[in-house]
Amino acid sequence: MNTIDLIHQHLAVLEPTEINVIDDSHLHAGHAGAQSGGGHYRLKIISPKFARCSTMQKHRLVYDALASLMQGEIHALSIDARSTNET
């Protein structure tokens, strides 16, 4: 299973209505994080679980769901997290 599939699998706990993951690793070739094998990703996720959450709380939920992939498969992650009523 590739990293994007793993990200989708781990984020399923947030019951997303939309999820889009873009691998930007090629833009960071030569970067220290890229040398260790961790990728750079952009994530857009929409979930009802984010209702009434601050930006920091939304990001914490995402990072908690991806904890086992951070500093391994994922070196850097840009997050656009919204609730279903923020789309």
C-alpha atoms as a PDB file:
ATOM      1  CA  MET A   1       0.000   0.000   0.000  1.00  0.00           C
ATOM      2  CA  ASN A   2       1.428   3.419  -0.904  1.00  0.00           C
ATOM      3  CA  THR A   3       1.559   6.387   1.460  1.00  0.00           C
ATOM      4  CA  ILE A   4      -1.449   8.169  -0.050  1.00  0.00           C
ATOM      5  CA  ASP A   5      -3.532   5.021   0.459  1.00  0.00           C
ATOM      6  CA  LEU A   6      -2.275   4.791   4.052  1.00  0.00           C
ATOM      7  CA  ILE A   7      -3.227   8.429   4.670  1.00  0.00           C
ATOM      8  CA  HIS A   8      -6.746   7.762   3.356  1.00  0.00           C
ATOM      9  CA  GLN A   9      -7.000   4.646   5.515  1.00  0.00           C
ATOM     10  CA  HIS A  10      -5.894   6.424   8.703  1.00  0.00           C
ATOM     11  CA  LEU A  11      -8.145   9.438   8.116  1.00  0.00           C
ATOM     12  CA  ALA A  12     -11.234   7.240   7.719  1.00  0.00           C
ATOM     13  CA  VAL A  13     -11.782   7.596  11.496  1.00  0.00           C
ATOM     14  CA  LEU A  14     -12.710  11.242  10.815  1.00  0.00           C
ATOM     15  CA  GLU A  15     -15.513  10.112   8.481  1.00  0.00           C
ATOM     16  CA  PRO A  16     -14.519  12.536   5.702  1.00  0.00           C
ATOM     17  CA  THR A  17     -17.043  13.525   3.060  1.00  0.00           C
ATOM     18  CA  GLU A  18     -14.158  14.687   0.885  1.00  0.00           C
ATOM     19  CA  ILE A  19     -10.450  13.957   1.004  1.00  0.00           C
ATOM     20  CA  ASN A  20      -7.730  14.925  -1.434  1.00  0.00           C
ATOM     21  CA  VAL A  21      -4.050  14.159  -0.905  1.00  0.00           C
ATOM     22  CA  ILE A  22      -1.350  15.543  -3.198  1.00  0.00           C
ATOM     23  CA  ASP A  23       2.223  14.283  -3.066  1.00  0.00           C
ATOM     24  CA  ASP A  24       4.558  17.285  -3.327  1.00  0.00           C
ATOM     25  CA  SER A  25       7.694  15.287  -2.478  1.00  0.00           C
ATOM     26  CA  HIS A  26       9.262  15.963  -5.873  1.00  0.00           C
ATOM     27  CA  LEU A  27       9.331  19.684  -5.008  1.00  0.00           C
ATOM     28  CA  HIS A  28      11.573  18.958  -2.021  1.00  0.00           C
ATOM     29  CA  ALA A  29      14.244  16.762  -3.613  1.00  0.00           C
ATOM     30  CA  GLY A  30      17.488  17.152  -1.699  1.00  0.00           C
ATOM     31  CA  HIS A  31      15.713  18.389   1.440  1.00  0.00           C
ATOM     32  CA  ALA A  32      16.809  16.637   4.637  1.00  0.00           C
ATOM     33  CA  GLY A  33      13.342  15.170   5.187  1.00  0.00           C
ATOM     34  CA  ALA A  34      13.248  13.789   1.669  1.00  0.00           C
ATOM     35  CA  GLN A  35      16.596  12.077   2.229  1.00  0.00           C
ATOM     36  CA  SER A  36      15.174  10.122   5.159  1.00  0.00           C
ATOM     37  CA  GLY A  37      12.331   8.863   2.961  1.00  0.00           C
ATOM     38  CA  GLY A  38       9.509  10.948   4.406  1.00  0.00           C
ATOM     39  CA  GLY A  39       7.244  12.594   1.865  1.00  0.00           C
ATOM     40  CA  HIS A  40       5.758  16.079   1.636  1.00  0.00           C
ATOM     41  CA  TYR A  41       1.973  16.109   1.233  1.00  0.00           C
ATOM     42  CA  ARG A  42      -0.913  18.560   0.842  1.00  0.00           C
ATOM     43  CA  LEU A  43      -4.209  17.475   2.363  1.00  0.00           C
ATOM     44  CA  LYS A  44      -7.708  18.826   1.896  1.00  0.00           C
ATOM     45  CA  ILE A  45     -10.241  17.128   4.129  1.00  0.00           C
ATOM     46  CA  ILE A  46     -13.880  17.904   4.849  1.00  0.00           C
ATOM     47  CA  SER A  47     -15.502  16.172   7.792  1.00  0.00           C
ATOM     48  CA  PRO A  48     -18.524  16.642  10.050  1.00  0.00           C
ATOM     49  CA  LYS A  49     -16.134  15.822  12.946  1.00  0.00           C
ATOM     50  CA  PHE A  50     -14.643  19.317  12.498  1.00  0.00           C
ATOM     51  CA  ALA A  51     -17.881  21.124  13.369  1.00  0.00           C
ATOM     52  CA  ARG A  52     -17.335  23.721  16.096  1.00  0.00           C
ATOM     53  CA  CYS A  53     -13.559  23.059  16.076  1.00  0.00           C
ATOM     54  CA  SER A  54     -10.895  25.726  15.823  1.00  0.00           C
ATOM     55  CA  THR A  55      -8.226  25.391  13.153  1.00  0.00           C
ATOM     56  CA  MET A  56      -5.821  24.077  15.776  1.00  0.00           C
ATOM     57  CA  GLN A  57      -8.331  21.456  16.947  1.00  0.00           C
ATOM     58  CA  LYS A  58      -8.939  20.308  13.357  1.00  0.00           C
ATOM     59  CA  HIS A  59      -5.208  19.961  12.741  1.00  0.00           C
ATOM     60  CA  ARG A  60      -4.790  18.060  16.032  1.00  0.00           C
ATOM     61  CA  LEU A  61      -7.487  15.575  14.955  1.00  0.00           C
ATOM     62  CA  VAL A  62      -5.690  15.042  11.641  1.00  0.00           C
ATOM     63  CA  TYR A  63      -2.269  14.670  13.269  1.00  0.00           C
ATOM     64  CA  ASP A  64      -3.689  12.261  15.867  1.00  0.00           C
ATOM     65  CA  ALA A  65      -5.165  10.101  13.091  1.00  0.00           C
ATOM     66  CA  LEU A  66      -1.854  10.111  11.197  1.00  0.00           C
ATOM     67  CA  ALA A  67       0.420   9.751  14.238  1.00  0.00           C
ATOM     68  CA  SER A  68       1.917   6.421  13.187  1.00  0.00           C
ATOM     69  CA  LEU A  69       2.879   7.847   9.767  1.00  0.00           C
ATOM     70  CA  MET A  70       4.458  11.090  10.986  1.00  0.00           C
ATOM     71  CA  GLN A  71       8.275  11.239  10.855  1.00  0.00           C
ATOM     72  CA  GLY A  72       8.201   8.014   8.862  1.00  0.00           C
ATOM     73  CA  GLU A  73       6.166   7.999   5.687  1.00  0.00           C
ATOM     74  CA  ILE A  74       5.211  11.676   6.192  1.00  0.00           C
ATOM     75  CA  HIS A  75       7.857  14.335   6.785  1.00  0.00           C
ATOM     76  CA  ALA A  76       5.694  17.411   6.092  1.00  0.00           C
ATOM     77  CA  LEU A  77       1.959  17.936   5.805  1.00  0.00           C
ATOM     78  CA  SER A  78       0.007  20.995   4.715  1.00  0.00           C
ATOM     79  CA  ILE A  79      -3.581  20.775   5.960  1.00  0.00           C
ATOM     80  CA  ASP A  80      -6.790  22.405   4.726  1.00  0.00           C
ATOM     81  CA  ALA A  81      -9.423  20.999   7.112  1.00  0.00           C
ATOM     82  CA  ARG A  82     -13.030  22.149   7.043  1.00  0.00           C
ATOM     83  CA  SER A  83     -16.318  21.044   8.466  1.00  0.00           C
ATOM     84  CA  THR A  84     -19.139  20.143   6.126  1.00  0.00           C
ATOM     85  CA  ASN A  85     -20.807  23.518   6.752  1.00  0.00           C
ATOM     86  CA  GLU A  86     -17.611  25.436   5.805  1.00  0.00           C
ATOM     87  CA  THR A  87     -17.339  24.208   2.211  1.00  0.00           C
END
